[in-house]
Amino acid sequence: MMKTREGQEELNHGLLLSESEESNYKSRFWIESKKLWYIVGPSILSRVASFSMNVVTQAFAGHLGDVELAAITISTSVIVGFNFGLMLGMASALETLCGQAFGAKRYNMIGIYMQRSWIVLFICCIITLPVYIYATPILKLLGQSDEVAELSGVAALWLIPQHFSFAFLFPVQRALQSQLKTSVLAWVSLVILVIHILVTWLFTNVFHFGIVGTVVALDVSWWLNFIALFLYTVLGGCPLTWSGFSMQAFSGLWEFFKLSAASGVMLCLENWYYRILVLMTAFLKNATIAIDAVSICMNINGWEMMIPLAFFAGIGVRVSNELGAGNGNGAKYATLVAILHSTVIGLVFCVLIVVFHNTFALIFTSSTVVLEAVEDMAWLLAFTILLNSIQPVISGVAVGSGWQSWVAYINLGSYYLVGVPFGVVLGLILHLGVEGIWGGMIFGGTALQTIILGMMTARCDWDKEAQKAAAKYSNLT
């Protein structure tokens, strides 16, 4: 009888421990989720609003005509996209440096890092400027029709002001993000989106400036975005991290450039991958229709992609903050929580695309031929959205950990040595059309990259990474 009572007490004690552990697990999950969404929520609003400016521009251009839509797609997706990926990637070095500095409570370095990034990115803007100036001959060389290439070249020249805004806007955004001031980014972006819609409508529907009006509206909106964030930063919004312009910004530029270059290569290889998809459609029959259909799918994908990219930013901040504070286990747990949240959201949008496969393209066009082409590609779009709900989160972990150089090699191999050739074989050699190109690039490249990065993250020694973060930070300051 005594043994039975003792056994029951042990069982009850075990149940209490299990309940306590479950309660602790739920509490920890809830706390980490709140920390993550404090960054991700405003980041989603900010990124969706910023991307929506391009969507608005293409929507207005699409109603000007099929050639205008193709030209805007090429100029914003290929010409601007070429530089956008590089500049955004180089600015993402701040997600590592500023995030770890914030975690280590070295707040003064955040303002210095931002100024160094301005210098490096401005020089990069000057170096890449010929891509805009010679856009027309470049596009003709890449196989675009004369009509589309000429109009795209005109749009590219008018987009040069937007090009230089990247050098200043991206570093400010990353610096504010690392300080958890994401609500500022969200509110400013939403206001700028409203202004952009109004200005675009005025330039195209009232003043009838045509395609030039649509791109000039983009120039105005991007610079207004930077001016608003810059004024917030220097007029008291960041008292701990902004103490004015400093000559320290010119010291350590080479070390900063190396990390920025690795970050730039990492992200631009990924960003260019989808630009190549648009370019390759030029070699298909009915290329204008194919480009229009792909651009619509890429816009929907890009629109939804702002959510995973917000998780990319959020987990980058969380991981870099935890590593900067020497907490490897915290970085590991934050990674697991972010992947779970992003994947669930990706599943929801995947289902929505499948349900509305024959209607979502009406946002951009009323052309029956284009609508049918988009409907044929809806299943690929749904799978792409699902896969992209995981991949950016893992890439964000890499940025927060400072693995940019490794990821650059992984991206080069999976995207360009496997994905692009696979897409060429399926789409152009086996004549499966744009679905073959897209499917080959997604299944051959993006899926492979996700698997490799997933294995790399799963096998990571987070305590060792926390120790390396402290040593690397001291070397870079």
Protein backbone atom coordinates (compact mmCIF):
# COMPACT_ATOMS: atom_id res chain seq x y z
CA MET A 1 0.00 0.00 0.00
CA MET A 2 2.88 2.31 0.88
CA LYS A 3 4.64 1.59 -2.42
CA THR A 4 1.45 2.31 -4.31
CA ARG A 5 1.06 5.68 -2.57
CA GLU A 6 4.72 6.57 -3.25
CA GLY A 7 4.31 5.57 -6.87
CA GLN A 8 1.22 7.75 -7.20
CA GLU A 9 3.08 10.70 -5.63
CA GLU A 10 5.96 10.24 -8.08
CA LEU A 11 3.49 10.12 -10.95
CA ASN A 12 1.75 13.29 -9.74
CA HIS A 13 5.13 15.00 -9.31
CA GLY A 14 6.09 13.99 -12.85
CA LEU A 15 2.83 15.35 -14.22
CA LEU A 16 3.37 18.63 -12.38
CA LEU A 17 6.86 18.89 -13.85
CA SER A 18 5.51 18.15 -17.32
CA GLU A 19 2.83 20.82 -16.93
CA SER A 20 5.44 23.24 -15.65
CA GLU A 21 7.77 22.52 -18.57
CA GLU A 22 4.89 22.90 -21.02
CA SER A 23 3.93 26.19 -19.40
CA ASN A 24 7.54 27.40 -19.60
CA TYR A 25 7.75 26.34 -23.24
CA LYS A 26 4.55 28.19 -24.13
CA SER A 27 5.71 31.24 -22.20
CA ARG A 28 9.09 31.23 -23.94
CA PHE A 29 7.45 30.77 -27.35
CA TRP A 30 5.06 33.65 -26.66
CA ILE A 31 7.85 35.96 -25.46
CA GLU A 32 10.03 35.22 -28.50
CA SER A 33 7.05 35.61 -30.84
CA LYS A 34 6.32 39.05 -29.38
CA LYS A 35 9.96 40.09 -29.81
CA LEU A 36 9.93 38.84 -33.39
CA TRP A 37 6.62 40.42 -34.37
CA TYR A 38 7.62 43.71 -32.78
CA ILE A 39 10.11 43.89 -35.65
CA VAL A 40 8.28 41.86 -38.30
CA GLY A 41 4.85 43.50 -38.04
CA PRO A 42 5.94 47.06 -38.88
CA SER A 43 8.51 45.67 -41.33
CA ILE A 44 5.74 43.93 -43.28
CA LEU A 45 3.79 47.19 -43.53
CA SER A 46 6.92 49.07 -44.53
CA ARG A 47 8.02 46.58 -47.17
CA VAL A 48 4.54 46.00 -48.59
CA ALA A 49 4.07 49.77 -48.88
CA SER A 50 7.45 50.22 -50.58
CA PHE A 51 6.88 47.36 -53.00
CA SER A 52 3.37 48.59 -53.67
CA MET A 53 4.88 51.74 -55.15
CA ASN A 54 6.33 49.58 -57.94
CA VAL A 55 3.04 47.71 -58.26
CA VAL A 56 1.15 51.00 -58.57
CA THR A 57 3.63 52.16 -61.22
CA GLN A 58 3.24 48.96 -63.24
CA ALA A 59 -0.54 49.00 -62.84
CA PHE A 60 -0.77 52.52 -64.28
CA ALA A 61 1.68 51.60 -67.06
CA GLY A 62 -0.30 48.44 -67.83
CA HIS A 63 -3.37 50.51 -68.56
CA LEU A 64 -1.32 52.67 -70.96
CA GLY A 65 -0.69 49.59 -73.13
CA ASP A 66 0.98 46.17 -73.35
CA VAL A 67 4.28 47.61 -74.64
CA GLU A 68 4.35 50.20 -71.83
CA LEU A 69 3.77 47.44 -69.25
CA ALA A 70 6.57 45.36 -70.77
CA ALA A 71 8.90 48.39 -70.81
CA ILE A 72 8.19 49.33 -67.19
CA THR A 73 8.62 45.68 -66.19
CA ILE A 74 12.01 45.44 -67.92
CA SER A 75 13.28 48.80 -66.63
CA THR A 76 12.18 48.26 -63.01
CA SER A 77 12.74 44.50 -62.81
CA VAL A 78 15.94 44.14 -64.83
CA ILE A 79 17.76 47.50 -64.97
CA VAL A 80 16.73 48.80 -61.55
CA GLY A 81 16.60 45.24 -60.19
CA PHE A 82 20.24 44.66 -61.14
CA ASN A 83 21.37 47.58 -58.99
CA PHE A 84 18.64 47.25 -56.35
CA GLY A 85 19.79 43.76 -55.38
CA LEU A 86 23.41 44.84 -55.14
CA MET A 87 22.68 48.00 -53.14
CA LEU A 88 20.20 46.31 -50.81
CA GLY A 89 22.63 43.47 -50.26
CA MET A 90 25.51 45.82 -49.47
CA ALA A 91 23.33 47.75 -47.04
CA SER A 92 22.41 44.48 -45.31
CA ALA A 93 25.93 44.44 -43.85
CA LEU A 94 24.43 46.92 -41.37
CA GLU A 95 22.01 44.23 -40.21
CA THR A 96 25.03 42.29 -38.96
CA LEU A 97 27.11 45.19 -37.65
CA CYS A 98 24.40 47.46 -36.25
CA GLY A 99 22.44 44.53 -34.84
CA GLN A 100 25.44 43.15 -32.99
CA ALA A 101 26.48 46.64 -31.86
CA PHE A 102 22.99 47.20 -30.45
CA GLY A 103 23.08 43.83 -28.68
CA ALA A 104 26.52 44.67 -27.25
CA LYS A 105 25.25 48.15 -26.21
CA ARG A 106 27.83 49.93 -28.36
CA TYR A 107 25.18 52.37 -29.56
CA ASN A 108 27.57 55.05 -30.83
CA MET A 109 28.87 52.72 -33.54
CA ILE A 110 25.46 52.44 -35.22
CA GLY A 111 25.59 56.03 -36.50
CA ILE A 112 29.20 55.53 -37.65
CA TYR A 113 28.33 52.33 -39.51
CA MET A 114 25.42 54.08 -41.24
CA GLN A 115 27.70 56.88 -42.48
CA ARG A 116 30.27 54.36 -43.73
CA SER A 117 27.51 52.63 -45.63
CA TRP A 118 26.47 55.92 -47.27
CA ILE A 119 30.01 56.41 -48.55
CA VAL A 120 30.42 52.86 -49.87
CA LEU A 121 26.97 52.71 -51.49
CA PHE A 122 27.30 56.14 -53.12
CA ILE A 123 30.55 55.06 -54.78
CA CYS A 124 28.82 51.87 -55.90
CA CYS A 125 26.01 53.96 -57.44
CA ILE A 126 28.50 55.88 -59.55
CA ILE A 127 30.21 52.68 -60.71
CA THR A 128 26.92 51.02 -61.78
CA LEU A 129 25.44 54.15 -63.42
CA PRO A 130 26.34 53.04 -66.99
CA VAL A 131 23.76 50.24 -66.70
CA TYR A 132 21.07 52.94 -66.73
CA ILE A 133 22.72 55.11 -69.38
CA TYR A 134 23.22 52.24 -71.84
CA ALA A 135 20.06 50.33 -70.97
CA THR A 136 18.71 50.24 -74.54
CA PRO A 137 21.74 48.61 -76.23
CA ILE A 138 22.16 46.25 -73.27
CA LEU A 139 18.54 45.10 -73.54
CA LYS A 140 18.81 44.66 -77.32
CA LEU A 141 21.93 42.57 -76.78
CA LEU A 142 19.97 40.44 -74.29
CA GLY A 143 17.31 39.72 -76.90
CA GLN A 144 14.57 42.27 -76.19
CA SER A 145 12.60 43.64 -79.13
CA ASP A 146 13.59 47.07 -80.42
CA GLU A 147 10.28 48.63 -79.38
CA VAL A 148 10.46 47.35 -75.79
CA ALA A 149 14.22 48.05 -75.47
CA GLU A 150 13.89 51.65 -76.67
CA LEU A 151 11.03 52.48 -74.32
CA SER A 152 12.74 50.66 -71.43
CA GLY A 153 15.88 52.74 -72.07
CA VAL A 154 13.89 55.97 -71.81
CA ALA A 155 12.36 54.82 -68.51
CA ALA A 156 15.80 53.77 -67.20
CA LEU A 157 17.28 57.23 -67.79
CA TRP A 158 14.47 58.83 -65.83
CA LEU A 159 15.01 56.32 -63.02
CA ILE A 160 18.58 57.49 -62.29
CA PRO A 161 17.43 59.71 -59.37
CA GLN A 162 15.79 56.66 -57.77
CA HIS A 163 19.07 54.79 -58.26
CA PHE A 164 20.99 57.29 -56.11
CA SER A 165 18.28 57.31 -53.45
CA PHE A 166 19.14 53.67 -52.69
CA ALA A 167 22.58 54.67 -51.42
CA PHE A 168 21.09 56.83 -48.68
CA LEU A 169 17.72 55.25 -47.93
CA PHE A 170 18.81 51.64 -47.38
CA PRO A 171 21.44 52.41 -44.70
CA VAL A 172 19.02 54.62 -42.74
CA GLN A 173 16.37 51.89 -42.85
CA ARG A 174 18.81 49.22 -41.65
CA ALA A 175 20.15 51.43 -38.85
CA LEU A 176 16.65 52.22 -37.57
CA GLN A 177 15.63 48.57 -37.90
CA SER A 178 18.58 47.42 -35.76
CA GLN A 179 17.41 49.83 -33.02
CA LEU A 180 13.90 48.30 -33.14
CA LYS A 181 12.43 51.54 -34.50
CA THR A 182 10.44 49.67 -37.12
CA SER A 183 7.18 51.50 -36.40
CA VAL A 184 8.77 54.67 -37.80
CA LEU A 185 9.64 52.83 -41.01
CA ALA A 186 6.07 51.56 -41.30
CA TRP A 187 4.33 54.90 -40.81
CA VAL A 188 6.65 56.76 -43.17
CA SER A 189 6.28 54.08 -45.86
CA LEU A 190 2.48 54.12 -45.63
CA VAL A 191 2.35 57.91 -45.96
CA ILE A 192 4.77 57.81 -48.91
CA LEU A 193 2.62 55.15 -50.62
CA VAL A 194 -0.43 57.40 -50.43
CA ILE A 195 1.61 60.29 -51.84
CA HIS A 196 2.96 58.03 -54.59
CA ILE A 197 -0.51 56.93 -55.70
CA LEU A 198 -1.64 60.56 -55.87
CA VAL A 199 1.45 61.76 -57.75
CA THR A 200 1.33 58.84 -60.22
CA TRP A 201 -2.34 59.48 -60.91
CA LEU A 202 -1.66 63.19 -61.49
CA PHE A 203 1.29 62.56 -63.81
CA THR A 204 -0.46 59.89 -65.93
CA ASN A 205 -4.19 60.65 -65.85
CA VAL A 206 -4.23 64.42 -65.40
CA PHE A 207 -1.02 65.71 -67.00
CA HIS A 208 -0.70 62.75 -69.42
CA PHE A 209 3.07 62.43 -69.07
CA GLY A 210 2.83 58.77 -70.11
CA ILE A 211 5.49 56.29 -69.09
CA VAL A 212 7.88 59.08 -68.06
CA GLY A 213 5.31 60.32 -65.56
CA THR A 214 5.09 56.91 -63.91
CA VAL A 215 8.84 56.64 -63.33
CA VAL A 216 9.30 60.27 -62.22
CA ALA A 217 6.64 59.62 -59.57
CA LEU A 218 8.84 56.75 -58.33
CA ASP A 219 11.84 59.09 -58.13
CA VAL A 220 9.91 61.61 -56.04
CA SER A 221 8.51 58.98 -53.69
CA TRP A 222 11.82 57.23 -52.96
CA TRP A 223 13.60 60.50 -52.16
CA LEU A 224 10.74 61.66 -49.93
CA ASN A 225 11.08 58.38 -48.05
CA PHE A 226 14.76 59.02 -47.36
CA ILE A 227 14.26 62.67 -46.40
CA ALA A 228 11.57 61.77 -43.85
CA LEU A 229 13.68 59.03 -42.20
CA PHE A 230 16.84 61.14 -42.25
CA LEU A 231 15.09 64.05 -40.55
CA TYR A 232 13.69 61.70 -37.91
CA THR A 233 17.18 60.33 -37.25
CA VAL A 234 19.08 63.63 -37.00
CA LEU A 235 16.40 65.73 -35.28
CA GLY A 236 16.26 63.73 -32.06
CA GLY A 237 14.70 60.40 -32.97
CA CYS A 238 17.92 58.49 -32.27
CA PRO A 239 19.72 60.30 -29.40
CA LEU A 240 21.83 57.27 -28.44
CA THR A 241 23.06 56.38 -31.90
CA TRP A 242 23.28 59.70 -33.78
CA SER A 243 25.77 62.28 -32.54
CA GLY A 244 26.32 64.06 -35.85
CA PHE A 245 28.55 63.49 -38.84
CA SER A 246 31.94 62.08 -37.89
CA MET A 247 35.33 61.59 -39.55
CA GLN A 248 35.28 58.08 -38.04
CA ALA A 249 33.04 57.17 -40.95
CA PHE A 250 36.12 57.30 -43.20
CA SER A 251 38.14 54.92 -41.00
CA GLY A 252 37.88 51.16 -41.40
CA LEU A 253 36.26 51.58 -44.81
CA TRP A 254 38.12 48.65 -46.35
CA GLU A 255 36.95 46.16 -43.71
CA PHE A 256 33.46 47.59 -43.99
CA PHE A 257 33.59 47.34 -47.78
CA LYS A 258 34.58 43.65 -47.67
CA LEU A 259 31.58 42.74 -45.51
CA SER A 260 29.30 44.97 -47.62
CA ALA A 261 30.59 43.38 -50.83
CA ALA A 262 29.98 39.87 -49.47
CA SER A 263 26.47 40.91 -48.41
CA GLY A 264 25.87 42.52 -51.81
CA VAL A 265 26.98 39.46 -53.75
CA MET A 266 24.91 37.19 -51.50
CA LEU A 267 21.67 39.10 -52.03
CA CYS A 268 22.13 40.29 -55.60
CA LEU A 269 22.81 36.76 -56.86
CA GLU A 270 19.44 35.84 -55.43
CA ASN A 271 17.75 39.02 -56.65
CA TRP A 272 19.14 38.73 -60.19
CA TYR A 273 17.91 35.17 -60.43
CA TYR A 274 14.31 36.28 -60.89
CA ARG A 275 15.38 39.07 -63.27
CA ILE A 276 16.92 36.38 -65.47
CA LEU A 277 13.53 34.65 -65.56
CA VAL A 278 12.01 37.81 -67.08
CA LEU A 279 14.88 38.18 -69.58
CA MET A 280 14.69 34.56 -70.75
CA THR A 281 11.05 34.98 -71.72
CA ALA A 282 12.26 37.28 -74.53
CA PHE A 283 13.41 34.18 -76.43
CA LEU A 284 9.92 32.66 -76.45
CA LYS A 285 7.17 33.08 -79.02
CA ASN A 286 4.75 35.93 -78.20
CA ALA A 287 7.47 37.40 -75.96
CA THR A 288 5.50 40.54 -75.05
CA ILE A 289 2.57 38.47 -73.72
CA ALA A 290 4.98 36.15 -71.90
CA ILE A 291 6.80 39.08 -70.28
CA ASP A 292 3.50 40.64 -69.21
CA ALA A 293 2.29 37.36 -67.68
CA VAL A 294 5.57 36.67 -65.88
CA SER A 295 5.74 40.26 -64.62
CA ILE A 296 2.26 39.96 -63.11
CA CYS A 297 3.20 36.70 -61.37
CA MET A 298 6.50 38.20 -60.19
CA ASN A 299 4.63 41.22 -58.85
CA ILE A 300 2.23 39.03 -56.89
CA ASN A 301 5.16 36.94 -55.67
CA GLY A 302 7.13 40.08 -54.83
CA TRP A 303 4.17 41.59 -53.04
CA GLU A 304 3.73 38.52 -50.84
CA MET A 305 7.52 38.19 -50.58
CA MET A 306 7.54 41.34 -48.47
CA ILE A 307 6.24 39.20 -45.59
CA PRO A 308 9.10 36.64 -45.69
CA LEU A 309 11.53 39.51 -46.27
CA ALA A 310 10.17 41.15 -43.13
CA PHE A 311 10.99 37.89 -41.36
CA PHE A 312 14.41 38.06 -43.08
CA ALA A 313 14.90 41.45 -41.44
CA GLY A 314 13.32 40.42 -38.15
CA ILE A 315 15.34 37.25 -37.64
CA GLY A 316 18.48 39.05 -38.79
CA VAL A 317 17.98 41.60 -36.01
CA ARG A 318 17.02 38.97 -33.43
CA VAL A 319 19.98 36.70 -34.23
CA SER A 320 22.50 39.55 -34.38
CA ASN A 321 21.16 41.04 -31.13
CA GLU A 322 21.38 37.70 -29.32
CA LEU A 323 24.83 36.91 -30.69
CA GLY A 324 26.05 40.41 -29.83
CA ALA A 325 24.81 39.83 -26.28
CA GLY A 326 26.59 36.45 -26.17
CA ASN A 327 23.38 34.37 -26.11
CA GLY A 328 23.78 31.56 -28.65
CA ASN A 329 20.76 29.57 -27.43
CA GLY A 330 18.57 32.66 -27.79
CA ALA A 331 19.65 33.01 -31.44
CA LYS A 332 18.87 29.35 -32.12
CA TYR A 333 15.40 29.54 -30.56
CA ALA A 334 14.59 32.78 -32.40
CA THR A 335 15.42 31.00 -35.67
CA LEU A 336 13.00 28.14 -34.98
CA VAL A 337 10.16 30.49 -34.04
CA ALA A 338 10.67 32.66 -37.15
CA ILE A 339 10.66 29.69 -39.52
CA LEU A 340 7.43 28.38 -37.98
CA HIS A 341 5.59 31.70 -38.25
CA SER A 342 6.72 32.43 -41.80
CA THR A 343 5.88 28.94 -43.07
CA VAL A 344 2.32 29.09 -41.73
CA ILE A 345 1.77 32.45 -43.45
CA GLY A 346 3.24 31.06 -46.68
CA LEU A 347 0.77 28.18 -46.62
CA VAL A 348 -2.14 30.60 -46.28
CA PHE A 349 -1.08 32.65 -49.32
CA CYS A 350 -0.33 29.51 -51.31
CA VAL A 351 -3.95 28.42 -50.82
CA LEU A 352 -5.25 31.89 -51.75
CA ILE A 353 -3.39 31.81 -55.08
CA VAL A 354 -4.84 28.41 -55.89
CA VAL A 355 -8.38 29.57 -55.02
CA PHE A 356 -8.18 32.85 -57.00
CA HIS A 357 -6.01 31.51 -59.83
CA ASN A 358 -8.19 33.01 -62.56
CA THR A 359 -8.91 36.46 -61.10
CA PHE A 360 -5.87 37.94 -59.31
CA ALA A 361 -4.28 39.19 -62.57
CA LEU A 362 -7.17 41.63 -63.10
CA ILE A 363 -5.28 44.06 -60.83
CA PHE A 364 -2.79 44.64 -63.65
CA THR A 365 -4.48 43.99 -66.96
CA SER A 366 -7.77 43.43 -68.77
CA SER A 367 -6.12 41.62 -71.70
CA THR A 368 -7.75 38.20 -72.15
CA VAL A 369 -4.60 36.67 -73.61
CA VAL A 370 -2.45 37.82 -70.69
CA LEU A 371 -5.06 36.70 -68.15
CA GLU A 372 -5.08 33.18 -69.64
CA ALA A 373 -1.28 33.05 -69.58
CA VAL A 374 -1.21 34.06 -65.92
CA GLU A 375 -3.81 31.44 -65.03
CA ASP A 376 -1.61 28.74 -66.58
CA MET A 377 1.26 29.79 -64.30
CA ALA A 378 -0.77 30.08 -61.08
CA TRP A 379 0.32 26.69 -59.71
CA LEU A 380 3.99 27.64 -60.11
CA LEU A 381 3.34 30.92 -58.37
CA ALA A 382 1.67 29.10 -55.46
CA PHE A 383 4.63 26.75 -55.01
CA THR A 384 7.11 29.62 -55.29
CA ILE A 385 5.31 31.51 -52.54
CA LEU A 386 5.38 28.45 -50.28
CA LEU A 387 9.08 27.83 -50.85
CA ASN A 388 9.94 31.50 -50.42
CA SER A 389 8.28 31.54 -47.01
CA ILE A 390 11.19 29.47 -45.69
CA GLN A 391 14.24 30.50 -47.72
CA PRO A 392 14.42 34.21 -46.77
CA VAL A 393 14.19 33.38 -43.06
CA ILE A 394 17.22 31.12 -43.29
CA SER A 395 19.04 33.80 -45.30
CA GLY A 396 18.17 36.30 -42.54
CA VAL A 397 19.82 33.98 -40.02
CA ALA A 398 22.92 33.99 -42.22
CA VAL A 399 22.98 37.80 -42.29
CA GLY A 400 22.51 38.07 -38.55
CA SER A 401 25.36 35.60 -38.04
CA GLY A 402 27.70 37.18 -40.59
CA TRP A 403 27.80 34.18 -42.97
CA GLN A 404 27.39 36.31 -46.09
CA SER A 405 30.52 35.02 -47.84
CA TRP A 406 29.47 31.38 -47.48
CA VAL A 407 25.94 32.09 -48.65
CA ALA A 408 27.27 33.94 -51.70
CA TYR A 409 29.02 30.75 -52.84
CA ILE A 410 25.92 28.67 -52.11
CA ASN A 411 23.74 31.07 -54.11
CA LEU A 412 26.18 31.06 -57.02
CA GLY A 413 26.22 27.27 -57.19
CA SER A 414 22.55 26.50 -56.63
CA TYR A 415 21.11 29.35 -58.70
CA TYR A 416 23.52 29.74 -61.60
CA LEU A 417 25.24 26.35 -61.94
CA VAL A 418 22.04 24.34 -61.39
CA GLY A 419 18.87 26.49 -61.56
CA VAL A 420 19.46 28.57 -64.68
CA PRO A 421 20.74 25.67 -66.85
CA PHE A 422 17.82 23.54 -65.67
CA GLY A 423 15.40 26.32 -66.63
CA VAL A 424 17.04 26.70 -70.06
CA VAL A 425 16.78 22.97 -70.72
CA LEU A 426 13.12 22.73 -69.72
CA GLY A 427 11.93 26.01 -71.20
CA LEU A 428 13.98 26.53 -74.37
CA ILE A 429 15.37 23.13 -75.34
CA LEU A 430 12.42 20.94 -74.38
CA HIS A 431 10.03 23.74 -75.45
CA LEU A 432 8.00 23.81 -72.23
CA GLY A 433 7.81 27.60 -72.48
CA VAL A 434 7.78 30.04 -69.59
CA GLU A 435 6.44 27.37 -67.22
CA GLY A 436 9.50 25.24 -68.00
CA ILE A 437 11.91 28.13 -67.41
CA TRP A 438 10.26 29.12 -64.15
CA GLY A 439 9.77 25.56 -62.90
CA GLY A 440 13.35 24.61 -63.67
CA MET A 441 14.72 27.64 -61.88
CA ILE A 442 12.51 27.11 -58.83
CA PHE A 443 12.93 23.34 -58.45
CA GLY A 444 16.55 23.34 -59.56
CA GLY A 445 17.87 26.46 -57.83
CA THR A 446 15.72 27.87 -55.05
CA ALA A 447 14.83 24.47 -53.58
CA LEU A 448 18.48 23.37 -53.60
CA GLN A 449 19.62 26.59 -51.93
CA THR A 450 16.94 26.25 -49.24
CA ILE A 451 18.00 22.68 -48.46
CA ILE A 452 21.70 23.59 -48.17
CA LEU A 453 21.06 26.64 -45.97
CA GLY A 454 18.65 24.62 -43.84
CA MET A 455 21.31 21.97 -43.19
CA MET A 456 23.88 24.67 -42.47
CA THR A 457 21.56 26.31 -39.91
CA ALA A 458 20.59 23.01 -38.28
CA ARG A 459 24.24 22.03 -37.74
CA CYS A 460 25.33 25.43 -36.43
CA ASP A 461 27.18 25.66 -33.08
CA TRP A 462 25.39 28.74 -31.73
CA ASP A 463 27.56 29.16 -28.63
CA LYS A 464 30.62 29.28 -30.85
CA GLU A 465 28.90 31.82 -33.13
CA ALA A 466 28.20 34.04 -30.10
CA GLN A 467 31.90 33.99 -29.21
CA LYS A 468 32.92 34.75 -32.80
CA ALA A 469 30.46 37.67 -32.96
CA ALA A 470 32.13 39.40 -30.03
CA ALA A 471 35.63 38.93 -31.53
CA LYS A 472 34.53 40.04 -35.02
CA TYR A 473 32.75 43.10 -33.66
CA SER A 474 35.85 44.28 -31.80
CA ASN A 475 37.95 43.88 -34.94
CA LEU A 476 35.56 45.95 -37.04
CA THR A 477 35.28 48.87 -34.61
